[in-house]
Amino acid sequence: DAMAWFRQAPGKERECVAAISGSGGRTYYADSVKGRFT
């Protein structure tokens, strides 16, 4: 499966912070967490 981590702070929309492809070979990070989250 393609999988992801989302987060939602009070009063804010749910946002995707990181995602990974089913193959595991591709990843995505939101700019706000890039370099800090894996």
PDB file of all heavy atoms in Angstrom:
ATOM      1  N   ASP A   1       0.813  -1.208   0.000  1.00  0.00           N
ATOM      2  CA  ASP A   1       0.000   0.000   0.000  1.00  0.00           C
ATOM      3  C   ASP A   1       0.849   1.262   0.000  1.00  0.00           C
ATOM      4  O   ASP A   1       1.964   1.282   0.544  1.00  0.00           O
ATOM      5  CB  ASP A   1      -0.893   0.037   1.237  1.00  0.00           C
ATOM      6  CG  ASP A   1      -2.095  -0.870   1.106  1.00  0.00           C
ATOM      7  OD1 ASP A   1      -2.181  -1.605   0.109  1.00  0.00           O
ATOM      8  OD2 ASP A   1      -2.952  -0.819   1.998  1.00  0.00           O
ATOM      9  N   ALA A   2       0.301   2.313  -0.589  1.00  0.00           N
ATOM     10  CA  ALA A   2       0.825   3.646  -0.358  1.00  0.00           C
ATOM     11  C   ALA A   2       0.368   4.054   1.032  1.00  0.00           C
ATOM     12  O   ALA A   2      -0.786   3.835   1.393  1.00  0.00           O
ATOM     13  CB  ALA A   2       0.285   4.620  -1.398  1.00  0.00           C
ATOM     14  N   MET A   3       1.260   4.629   1.805  1.00  0.00           N
ATOM     15  CA  MET A   3       0.902   4.991   3.180  1.00  0.00           C
ATOM     16  C   MET A   3       1.397   6.398   3.487  1.00  0.00           C
ATOM     17  O   MET A   3       2.258   6.934   2.784  1.00  0.00           O
ATOM     18  CB  MET A   3       1.486   3.988   4.170  1.00  0.00           C
ATOM     19  CG  MET A   3       0.994   2.563   3.928  1.00  0.00           C
ATOM     20  SD  MET A   3       1.430   1.409   5.214  1.00  0.00           S
ATOM     21  CE  MET A   3       0.284   1.878   6.519  1.00  0.00           C
ATOM     22  N   ALA A   4       0.834   6.962   4.540  1.00  0.00           N
ATOM     23  CA  ALA A   4       1.197   8.334   4.874  1.00  0.00           C
ATOM     24  C   ALA A   4       0.909   8.637   6.332  1.00  0.00           C
ATOM     25  O   ALA A   4       0.162   7.920   6.998  1.00  0.00           O
ATOM     26  CB  ALA A   4       0.420   9.315   3.994  1.00  0.00           C
ATOM     27  N   TRP A   5       1.532   9.691   6.806  1.00  0.00           N
ATOM     28  CA  TRP A   5       1.230  10.286   8.104  1.00  0.00           C
ATOM     29  C   TRP A   5       0.605  11.661   7.860  1.00  0.00           C
ATOM     30  O   TRP A   5       1.160  12.479   7.130  1.00  0.00           O
ATOM     31  CB  TRP A   5       2.491  10.437   8.940  1.00  0.00           C
ATOM     32  CG  TRP A   5       3.023   9.135   9.452  1.00  0.00           C
ATOM     33  CD1 TRP A   5       4.002   8.375   8.899  1.00  0.00           C
ATOM     34  CD2 TRP A   5       2.602   8.453  10.631  1.00  0.00           C
ATOM     35  NE1 TRP A   5       4.211   7.247   9.643  1.00  0.00           N
ATOM     36  CE2 TRP A   5       3.358   7.279  10.739  1.00  0.00           C
ATOM     37  CE3 TRP A   5       1.660   8.721  11.633  1.00  0.00           C
ATOM     38  CZ2 TRP A   5       3.213   6.361  11.768  1.00  0.00           C
ATOM     39  CZ3 TRP A   5       1.504   7.822  12.668  1.00  0.00           C
ATOM     40  CH2 TRP A   5       2.279   6.649  12.732  1.00  0.00           C
ATOM     41  N   PHE A   6      -0.540  11.884   8.462  1.00  0.00           N
ATOM     42  CA  PHE A   6      -1.197  13.177   8.456  1.00  0.00           C
ATOM     43  C   PHE A   6      -1.192  13.716   9.884  1.00  0.00           C
ATOM     44  O   PHE A   6      -1.032  12.961  10.839  1.00  0.00           O
ATOM     45  CB  PHE A   6      -2.646  13.042   7.978  1.00  0.00           C
ATOM     46  CG  PHE A   6      -2.804  12.819   6.513  1.00  0.00           C
ATOM     47  CD1 PHE A   6      -2.520  11.585   5.941  1.00  0.00           C
ATOM     48  CD2 PHE A   6      -3.260  13.837   5.684  1.00  0.00           C
ATOM     49  CE1 PHE A   6      -2.670  11.373   4.569  1.00  0.00           C
ATOM     50  CE2 PHE A   6      -3.416  13.635   4.313  1.00  0.00           C
ATOM     51  CZ  PHE A   6      -3.129  12.406   3.770  1.00  0.00           C
ATOM     52  N   ARG A   7      -1.394  15.001  10.003  1.00  0.00           N
ATOM     53  CA  ARG A   7      -1.573  15.577  11.330  1.00  0.00           C
ATOM     54  C   ARG A   7      -2.642  16.650  11.275  1.00  0.00           C
ATOM     55  O   ARG A   7      -2.886  17.265  10.225  1.00  0.00           O
ATOM     56  CB  ARG A   7      -0.269  16.161  11.887  1.00  0.00           C
ATOM     57  CG  ARG A   7       0.241  17.416  11.179  1.00  0.00           C
ATOM     58  CD  ARG A   7       1.580  17.838  11.756  1.00  0.00           C
ATOM     59  NE  ARG A   7       2.105  19.038  11.113  1.00  0.00           N
ATOM     60  CZ  ARG A   7       3.328  19.508  11.312  1.00  0.00           C
ATOM     61  NH1 ARG A   7       4.165  18.878  12.146  1.00  0.00           N
ATOM     62  NH2 ARG A   7       3.725  20.613  10.696  1.00  0.00           N
ATOM     63  N   GLN A   8      -3.277  16.858  12.421  1.00  0.00           N
ATOM     64  CA  GLN A   8      -4.314  17.888  12.514  1.00  0.00           C
ATOM     65  C   GLN A   8      -4.187  18.593  13.850  1.00  0.00           C
ATOM     66  O   GLN A   8      -4.307  17.965  14.913  1.00  0.00           O
ATOM     67  CB  GLN A   8      -5.705  17.275  12.365  1.00  0.00           C
ATOM     68  CG  GLN A   8      -6.808  18.310  12.272  1.00  0.00           C
ATOM     69  CD  GLN A   8      -8.110  17.713  11.765  1.00  0.00           C
ATOM     70  OE1 GLN A   8      -8.347  16.516  11.851  1.00  0.00           O
ATOM     71  NE2 GLN A   8      -8.969  18.565  11.212  1.00  0.00           N
ATOM     72  N   ALA A   9      -3.926  19.884  13.773  1.00  0.00           N
ATOM     73  CA  ALA A   9      -3.862  20.719  14.959  1.00  0.00           C
ATOM     74  C   ALA A   9      -5.228  21.371  15.178  1.00  0.00           C
ATOM     75  O   ALA A   9      -6.017  21.491  14.229  1.00  0.00           O
ATOM     76  CB  ALA A   9      -2.789  21.787  14.794  1.00  0.00           C
ATOM     77  N   PRO A  10      -5.544  21.787  16.395  1.00  0.00           N
ATOM     78  CA  PRO A  10      -6.846  22.414  16.667  1.00  0.00           C
ATOM     79  C   PRO A  10      -7.110  23.602  15.753  1.00  0.00           C
ATOM     80  O   PRO A  10      -6.254  24.469  15.594  1.00  0.00           O
ATOM     81  CB  PRO A  10      -6.719  22.852  18.125  1.00  0.00           C
ATOM     82  CG  PRO A  10      -5.730  21.910  18.713  1.00  0.00           C
ATOM     83  CD  PRO A  10      -4.746  21.626  17.621  1.00  0.00           C
ATOM     84  N   GLY A  11      -8.268  23.596  15.125  1.00  0.00           N
ATOM     85  CA  GLY A  11      -8.653  24.692  14.255  1.00  0.00           C
ATOM     86  C   GLY A  11      -8.012  24.676  12.884  1.00  0.00           C
ATOM     87  O   GLY A  11      -8.211  25.612  12.096  1.00  0.00           O
ATOM     88  N   LYS A  12      -7.249  23.633  12.595  1.00  0.00           N
ATOM     89  CA  LYS A  12      -6.569  23.570  11.301  1.00  0.00           C
ATOM     90  C   LYS A  12      -7.017  22.324  10.530  1.00  0.00           C
ATOM     91  O   LYS A  12      -7.544  21.378  11.105  1.00  0.00           O
ATOM     92  CB  LYS A  12      -5.053  23.550  11.492  1.00  0.00           C
ATOM     93  CG  LYS A  12      -4.494  24.831  12.068  1.00  0.00           C
ATOM     94  CD  LYS A  12      -2.980  24.834  12.034  1.00  0.00           C
ATOM     95  CE  LYS A  12      -2.410  26.149  12.534  1.00  0.00           C
ATOM     96  NZ  LYS A  12      -0.922  26.177  12.464  1.00  0.00           N
ATOM     97  N   GLU A  13      -6.788  22.357   9.226  1.00  0.00           N
ATOM     98  CA  GLU A  13      -7.123  21.209   8.402  1.00  0.00           C
ATOM     99  C   GLU A  13      -6.096  20.094   8.577  1.00  0.00           C
ATOM    100  O   GLU A  13      -4.947  20.345   8.949  1.00  0.00           O
ATOM    101  CB  GLU A  13      -7.181  21.622   6.930  1.00  0.00           C
ATOM    102  CG  GLU A  13      -8.326  22.568   6.597  1.00  0.00           C
ATOM    103  CD  GLU A  13      -8.430  22.842   5.112  1.00  0.00           C
ATOM    104  OE1 GLU A  13      -7.534  22.422   4.360  1.00  0.00           O
ATOM    105  OE2 GLU A  13      -9.416  23.476   4.701  1.00  0.00           O
ATOM    106  N   ARG A  14      -6.540  18.872   8.289  1.00  0.00           N
ATOM    107  CA  ARG A  14      -5.619  17.740   8.333  1.00  0.00           C
ATOM    108  C   ARG A  14      -4.650  17.866   7.163  1.00  0.00           C
ATOM    109  O   ARG A  14      -5.071  18.068   6.030  1.00  0.00           O
ATOM    110  CB  ARG A  14      -6.397  16.436   8.269  1.00  0.00           C
ATOM    111  CG  ARG A  14      -5.583  15.201   8.577  1.00  0.00           C
ATOM    112  CD  ARG A  14      -6.466  13.961   8.690  1.00  0.00           C
ATOM    113  NE  ARG A  14      -7.415  14.053   9.790  1.00  0.00           N
ATOM    114  CZ  ARG A  14      -8.109  13.024  10.253  1.00  0.00           C
ATOM    115  NH1 ARG A  14      -7.941  11.815   9.710  1.00  0.00           N
ATOM    116  NH2 ARG A  14      -8.972  13.187  11.229  1.00  0.00           N
ATOM    117  N   GLU A  15      -3.355  17.754   7.460  1.00  0.00           N
ATOM    118  CA  GLU A  15      -2.339  17.906   6.426  1.00  0.00           C
ATOM    119  C   GLU A  15      -1.434  16.675   6.373  1.00  0.00           C
ATOM    120  O   GLU A  15      -1.149  16.059   7.401  1.00  0.00           O
ATOM    121  CB  GLU A  15      -1.490  19.151   6.672  1.00  0.00           C
ATOM    122  CG  GLU A  15      -0.691  19.126   7.962  1.00  0.00           C
ATOM    123  CD  GLU A  15       0.358  20.223   8.050  1.00  0.00           C
ATOM    124  OE1 GLU A  15       0.731  20.800   7.006  1.00  0.00           O
ATOM    125  OE2 GLU A  15       0.815  20.498   9.186  1.00  0.00           O
ATOM    126  N   CYS A  16      -0.971  16.373   5.172  1.00  0.00           N
ATOM    127  CA  CYS A  16      -0.038  15.277   4.987  1.00  0.00           C
ATOM    128  C   CYS A  16       1.366  15.772   5.314  1.00  0.00           C
ATOM    129  O   CYS A  16       1.835  16.748   4.728  1.00  0.00           O
ATOM    130  CB  CYS A  16      -0.089  14.760   3.558  1.00  0.00           C
ATOM    131  SG  CYS A  16       1.027  13.399   3.236  1.00  0.00           S
ATOM    132  N   VAL A  17       2.034  15.115   6.255  1.00  0.00           N
ATOM    133  CA  VAL A  17       3.395  15.517   6.591  1.00  0.00           C
ATOM    134  C   VAL A  17       4.432  14.612   5.947  1.00  0.00           C
ATOM    135  O   VAL A  17       5.554  15.045   5.672  1.00  0.00           O
ATOM    136  CB  VAL A  17       3.627  15.583   8.122  1.00  0.00           C
ATOM    137  CG1 VAL A  17       2.747  16.655   8.745  1.00  0.00           C
ATOM    138  CG2 VAL A  17       3.380  14.238   8.777  1.00  0.00           C
ATOM    139  N   ALA A  18       4.070  13.355   5.670  1.00  0.00           N
ATOM    140  CA  ALA A  18       5.004  12.428   5.037  1.00  0.00           C
ATOM    141  C   ALA A  18       4.229  11.305   4.380  1.00  0.00           C
ATOM    142  O   ALA A  18       3.185  10.894   4.885  1.00  0.00           O
ATOM    143  CB  ALA A  18       5.991  11.860   6.050  1.00  0.00           C
ATOM    144  N   ALA A  19       4.733  10.827   3.256  1.00  0.00           N
ATOM    145  CA  ALA A  19       4.083   9.727   2.552  1.00  0.00           C
ATOM    146  C   ALA A  19       5.150   8.826   1.947  1.00  0.00           C
ATOM    147  O   ALA A  19       6.269   9.268   1.668  1.00  0.00           O
ATOM    148  CB  ALA A  19       3.158  10.256   1.463  1.00  0.00           C
ATOM    149  N   ILE A  20       4.778   7.558   1.755  1.00  0.00           N
ATOM    150  CA  ILE A  20       5.713   6.597   1.182  1.00  0.00           C
ATOM    151  C   ILE A  20       4.970   5.727   0.190  1.00  0.00           C
ATOM    152  O   ILE A  20       3.797   5.384   0.387  1.00  0.00           O
ATOM    153  CB  ILE A  20       6.373   5.757   2.305  1.00  0.00           C
ATOM    154  CG1 ILE A  20       7.510   4.895   1.758  1.00  0.00           C
ATOM    155  CG2 ILE A  20       5.343   4.923   3.049  1.00  0.00           C
ATOM    156  CD1 ILE A  20       8.401   4.316   2.854  1.00  0.00           C
ATOM    157  N   SER A  21       5.636   5.391  -0.907  1.00  0.00           N
ATOM    158  CA  SER A  21       5.004   4.568  -1.930  1.00  0.00           C
ATOM    159  C   SER A  21       4.949   3.107  -1.486  1.00  0.00           C
ATOM    160  O   SER A  21       5.644   2.687  -0.568  1.00  0.00           O
ATOM    161  CB  SER A  21       5.796   4.677  -3.241  1.00  0.00           C
ATOM    162  OG  SER A  21       7.104   4.151  -3.071  1.00  0.00           O
ATOM    163  N   GLY A  22       4.114   2.339  -2.188  1.00  0.00           N
ATOM    164  CA  GLY A  22       4.004   0.920  -1.880  1.00  0.00           C
ATOM    165  C   GLY A  22       5.323   0.184  -2.052  1.00  0.00           C
ATOM    166  O   GLY A  22       5.618  -0.769  -1.329  1.00  0.00           O
ATOM    167  N   SER A  23       6.102   0.637  -3.009  1.00  0.00           N
ATOM    168  CA  SER A  23       7.407   0.014  -3.243  1.00  0.00           C
ATOM    169  C   SER A  23       8.428   0.417  -2.191  1.00  0.00           C
ATOM    170  O   SER A  23       9.481  -0.207  -2.066  1.00  0.00           O
ATOM    171  CB  SER A  23       7.926   0.430  -4.617  1.00  0.00           C
ATOM    172  OG  SER A  23       8.201   1.823  -4.642  1.00  0.00           O
ATOM    173  N   GLY A  24       8.116   1.493  -1.467  1.00  0.00           N
ATOM    174  CA  GLY A  24       9.055   2.009  -0.473  1.00  0.00           C
ATOM    175  C   GLY A  24      10.152   2.871  -1.062  1.00  0.00           C
ATOM    176  O   GLY A  24      10.955   3.454  -0.338  1.00  0.00           O
ATOM    177  N   GLY A  25      10.167   2.962  -2.390  1.00  0.00           N
ATOM    178  CA  GLY A  25      11.262   3.658  -3.039  1.00  0.00           C
ATOM    179  C   GLY A  25      11.085   5.154  -3.160  1.00  0.00           C
ATOM    180  O   GLY A  25      12.025   5.879  -3.480  1.00  0.00           O
ATOM    181  N   ARG A  26       9.870   5.628  -2.951  1.00  0.00           N
ATOM    182  CA  ARG A  26       9.611   7.066  -3.060  1.00  0.00           C
ATOM    183  C   ARG A  26       9.003   7.568  -1.770  1.00  0.00           C
ATOM    184  O   ARG A  26       8.194   6.897  -1.138  1.00  0.00           O
ATOM    185  CB  ARG A  26       8.650   7.345  -4.215  1.00  0.00           C
ATOM    186  CG  ARG A  26       9.196   7.070  -5.602  1.00  0.00           C
ATOM    187  CD  ARG A  26       8.176   7.508  -6.639  1.00  0.00           C
ATOM    188  NE  ARG A  26       7.966   8.955  -6.596  1.00  0.00           N
ATOM    189  CZ  ARG A  26       6.824   9.542  -6.963  1.00  0.00           C
ATOM    190  NH1 ARG A  26       5.811   8.820  -7.377  1.00  0.00           N
ATOM    191  NH2 ARG A  26       6.718  10.852  -6.908  1.00  0.00           N
ATOM    192  N   THR A  27       9.416   8.766  -1.379  1.00  0.00           N
ATOM    193  CA  THR A  27       8.875   9.395  -0.188  1.00  0.00           C
ATOM    194  C   THR A  27       8.556  10.855  -0.472  1.00  0.00           C
ATOM    195  O   THR A  27       9.091  11.451  -1.419  1.00  0.00           O
ATOM    196  CB  THR A  27       9.850   9.330   1.004  1.00  0.00           C
ATOM    197  OG1 THR A  27      11.105   9.918   0.610  1.00  0.00           O
ATOM    198  CG2 THR A  27      10.074   7.903   1.472  1.00  0.00           C
ATOM    199  N   TYR A  28       7.673  11.388   0.344  1.00  0.00           N
ATOM    200  CA  TYR A  28       7.288  12.808   0.258  1.00  0.00           C
ATOM    201  C   TYR A  28       7.317  13.370   1.661  1.00  0.00           C
ATOM    202  O   TYR A  28       6.951  12.686   2.623  1.00  0.00           O
ATOM    203  CB  TYR A  28       5.880  12.942  -0.313  1.00  0.00           C
ATOM    204  CG  TYR A  28       5.222  14.269   0.035  1.00  0.00           C
ATOM    205  CD1 TYR A  28       5.403  15.384  -0.764  1.00  0.00           C
ATOM    206  CD2 TYR A  28       4.437  14.394   1.186  1.00  0.00           C
ATOM    207  CE1 TYR A  28       4.815  16.597  -0.438  1.00  0.00           C
ATOM    208  CE2 TYR A  28       3.850  15.607   1.519  1.00  0.00           C
ATOM    209  CZ  TYR A  28       4.045  16.695   0.700  1.00  0.00           C
ATOM    210  OH  TYR A  28       3.469  17.890   1.044  1.00  0.00           O
ATOM    211  N   TYR A  29       7.775  14.632   1.784  1.00  0.00           N
ATOM    212  CA  TYR A  29       7.734  15.343   3.054  1.00  0.00           C
ATOM    213  C   TYR A  29       7.201  16.748   2.833  1.00  0.00           C
ATOM    214  O   TYR A  29       7.578  17.418   1.863  1.00  0.00           O
ATOM    215  CB  TYR A  29       9.126  15.424   3.683  1.00  0.00           C
ATOM    216  CG  TYR A  29       9.705  14.081   4.054  1.00  0.00           C
ATOM    217  CD1 TYR A  29      10.579  13.420   3.198  1.00  0.00           C
ATOM    218  CD2 TYR A  29       9.353  13.473   5.254  1.00  0.00           C
ATOM    219  CE1 TYR A  29      11.087  12.182   3.535  1.00  0.00           C
ATOM    220  CE2 TYR A  29       9.863  12.232   5.598  1.00  0.00           C
ATOM    221  CZ  TYR A  29      10.731  11.583   4.731  1.00  0.00           C
ATOM    222  OH  TYR A  29      11.234  10.354   5.072  1.00  0.00           O
ATOM    223  N   ALA A  30       6.351  17.182   3.719  1.00  0.00           N
ATOM    224  CA  ALA A  30       5.927  18.574   3.696  1.00  0.00           C
ATOM    225  C   ALA A  30       7.137  19.453   4.005  1.00  0.00           C
ATOM    226  O   ALA A  30       8.039  19.049   4.745  1.00  0.00           O
ATOM    227  CB  ALA A  30       4.836  18.805   4.743  1.00  0.00           C
ATOM    228  N   ASP A  31       7.141  20.638   3.434  1.00  0.00           N
ATOM    229  CA  ASP A  31       8.274  21.547   3.647  1.00  0.00           C
ATOM    230  C   ASP A  31       8.525  21.810   5.129  1.00  0.00           C
ATOM    231  O   ASP A  31       9.666  21.976   5.558  1.00  0.00           O
ATOM    232  CB  ASP A  31       8.024  22.872   2.927  1.00  0.00           C
ATOM    233  CG  ASP A  31       8.155  22.734   1.416  1.00  0.00           C
ATOM    234  OD1 ASP A  31       8.749  21.743   0.945  1.00  0.00           O
ATOM    235  OD2 ASP A  31       7.653  23.631   0.710  1.00  0.00           O
ATOM    236  N   SER A  32       7.459  21.841   5.897  1.00  0.00           N
ATOM    237  CA  SER A  32       7.574  22.171   7.319  1.00  0.00           C
ATOM    238  C   SER A  32       8.311  21.119   8.134  1.00  0.00           C
ATOM    239  O   SER A  32       8.781  21.401   9.240  1.00  0.00           O
ATOM    240  CB  SER A  32       6.194  22.405   7.927  1.00  0.00           C
ATOM    241  OG  SER A  32       5.386  21.250   7.752  1.00  0.00           O
ATOM    242  N   VAL A  33       8.433  19.888   7.592  1.00  0.00           N
ATOM    243  CA  VAL A  33       9.079  18.809   8.353  1.00  0.00           C
ATOM    244  C   VAL A  33      10.305  18.244   7.642  1.00  0.00           C
ATOM    245  O   VAL A  33      11.001  17.398   8.197  1.00  0.00           O
ATOM    246  CB  VAL A  33       8.094  17.664   8.660  1.00  0.00           C
ATOM    247  CG1 VAL A  33       6.845  18.206   9.340  1.00  0.00           C
ATOM    248  CG2 VAL A  33       7.739  16.869   7.420  1.00  0.00           C
ATOM    249  N   LYS A  34      10.559  18.725   6.430  1.00  0.00           N
ATOM    250  CA  LYS A  34      11.669  18.197   5.639  1.00  0.00           C
ATOM    251  C   LYS A  34      12.983  18.359   6.396  1.00  0.00           C
ATOM    252  O   LYS A  34      13.274  19.425   6.931  1.00  0.00           O
ATOM    253  CB  LYS A  34      11.726  18.929   4.302  1.00  0.00           C
ATOM    254  CG  LYS A  34      12.406  18.160   3.188  1.00  0.00           C
ATOM    255  CD  LYS A  34      12.185  18.858   1.847  1.00  0.00           C
ATOM    256  CE  LYS A  34      10.758  18.778   1.393  1.00  0.00           C
ATOM    257  NZ  LYS A  34      10.551  19.385   0.061  1.00  0.00           N
ATOM    258  N   GLY A  35      13.764  17.289   6.445  1.00  0.00           N
ATOM    259  CA  GLY A  35      15.043  17.318   7.148  1.00  0.00           C
ATOM    260  C   GLY A  35      14.932  16.976   8.625  1.00  0.00           C
ATOM    261  O   GLY A  35      15.954  16.773   9.295  1.00  0.00           O
ATOM    262  N   ARG A  36      13.702  16.912   9.152  1.00  0.00           N
ATOM    263  CA  ARG A  36      13.499  16.599  10.574  1.00  0.00           C
ATOM    264  C   ARG A  36      12.740  15.291  10.773  1.00  0.00           C
ATOM    265  O   ARG A  36      12.968  14.605  11.774  1.00  0.00           O
ATOM    266  CB  ARG A  36      12.722  17.735  11.248  1.00  0.00           C
ATOM    267  CG  ARG A  36      13.419  19.088  11.184  1.00  0.00           C
ATOM    268  CD  ARG A  36      12.675  20.118  12.035  1.00  0.00           C
ATOM    269  NE  ARG A  36      11.310  20.367  11.575  1.00  0.00           N
ATOM    270  CZ  ARG A  36      10.228  20.177  12.319  1.00  0.00           C
ATOM    271  NH1 ARG A  36      10.338  19.714  13.563  1.00  0.00           N
ATOM    272  NH2 ARG A  36       9.026  20.452  11.833  1.00  0.00           N
ATOM    273  N   PHE A  37      11.847  14.963   9.865  1.00  0.00           N
ATOM    274  CA  PHE A  37      11.038  13.752   9.980  1.00  0.00           C
ATOM    275  C   PHE A  37      11.494  12.732   8.941  1.00  0.00           C
ATOM    276  O   PHE A  37      11.913  13.096   7.838  1.00  0.00           O
ATOM    277  CB  PHE A  37       9.559  14.054   9.731  1.00  0.00           C
ATOM    278  CG  PHE A  37       8.874  14.833  10.822  1.00  0.00           C
ATOM    279  CD1 PHE A  37       9.583  15.467  11.842  1.00  0.00           C
ATOM    280  CD2 PHE A  37       7.489  14.962  10.813  1.00  0.00           C
ATOM    281  CE1 PHE A  37       8.934  16.193  12.833  1.00  0.00           C
ATOM    282  CE2 PHE A  37       6.822  15.679  11.791  1.00  0.00           C
ATOM    283  CZ  PHE A  37       7.540  16.298  12.807  1.00  0.00           C
ATOM    284  N   THR A  38      11.378  11.440   9.293  1.00  0.00           N
ATOM    285  CA  THR A  38      11.707  10.365   8.367  1.00  0.00           C
ATOM    286  C   THR A  38      10.617   9.303   8.426  1.00  0.00           C
ATOM    287  O   THR A  38      10.321   8.771   9.495  1.00  0.00           O
ATOM    288  CB  THR A  38      13.050   9.729   8.720  1.00  0.00           C
ATOM    289  OG1 THR A  38      14.076  10.731   8.736  1.00  0.00           O
ATOM    290  CG2 THR A  38      13.425   8.655   7.693  1.00  0.00           C
TER     291      THR A  38
END
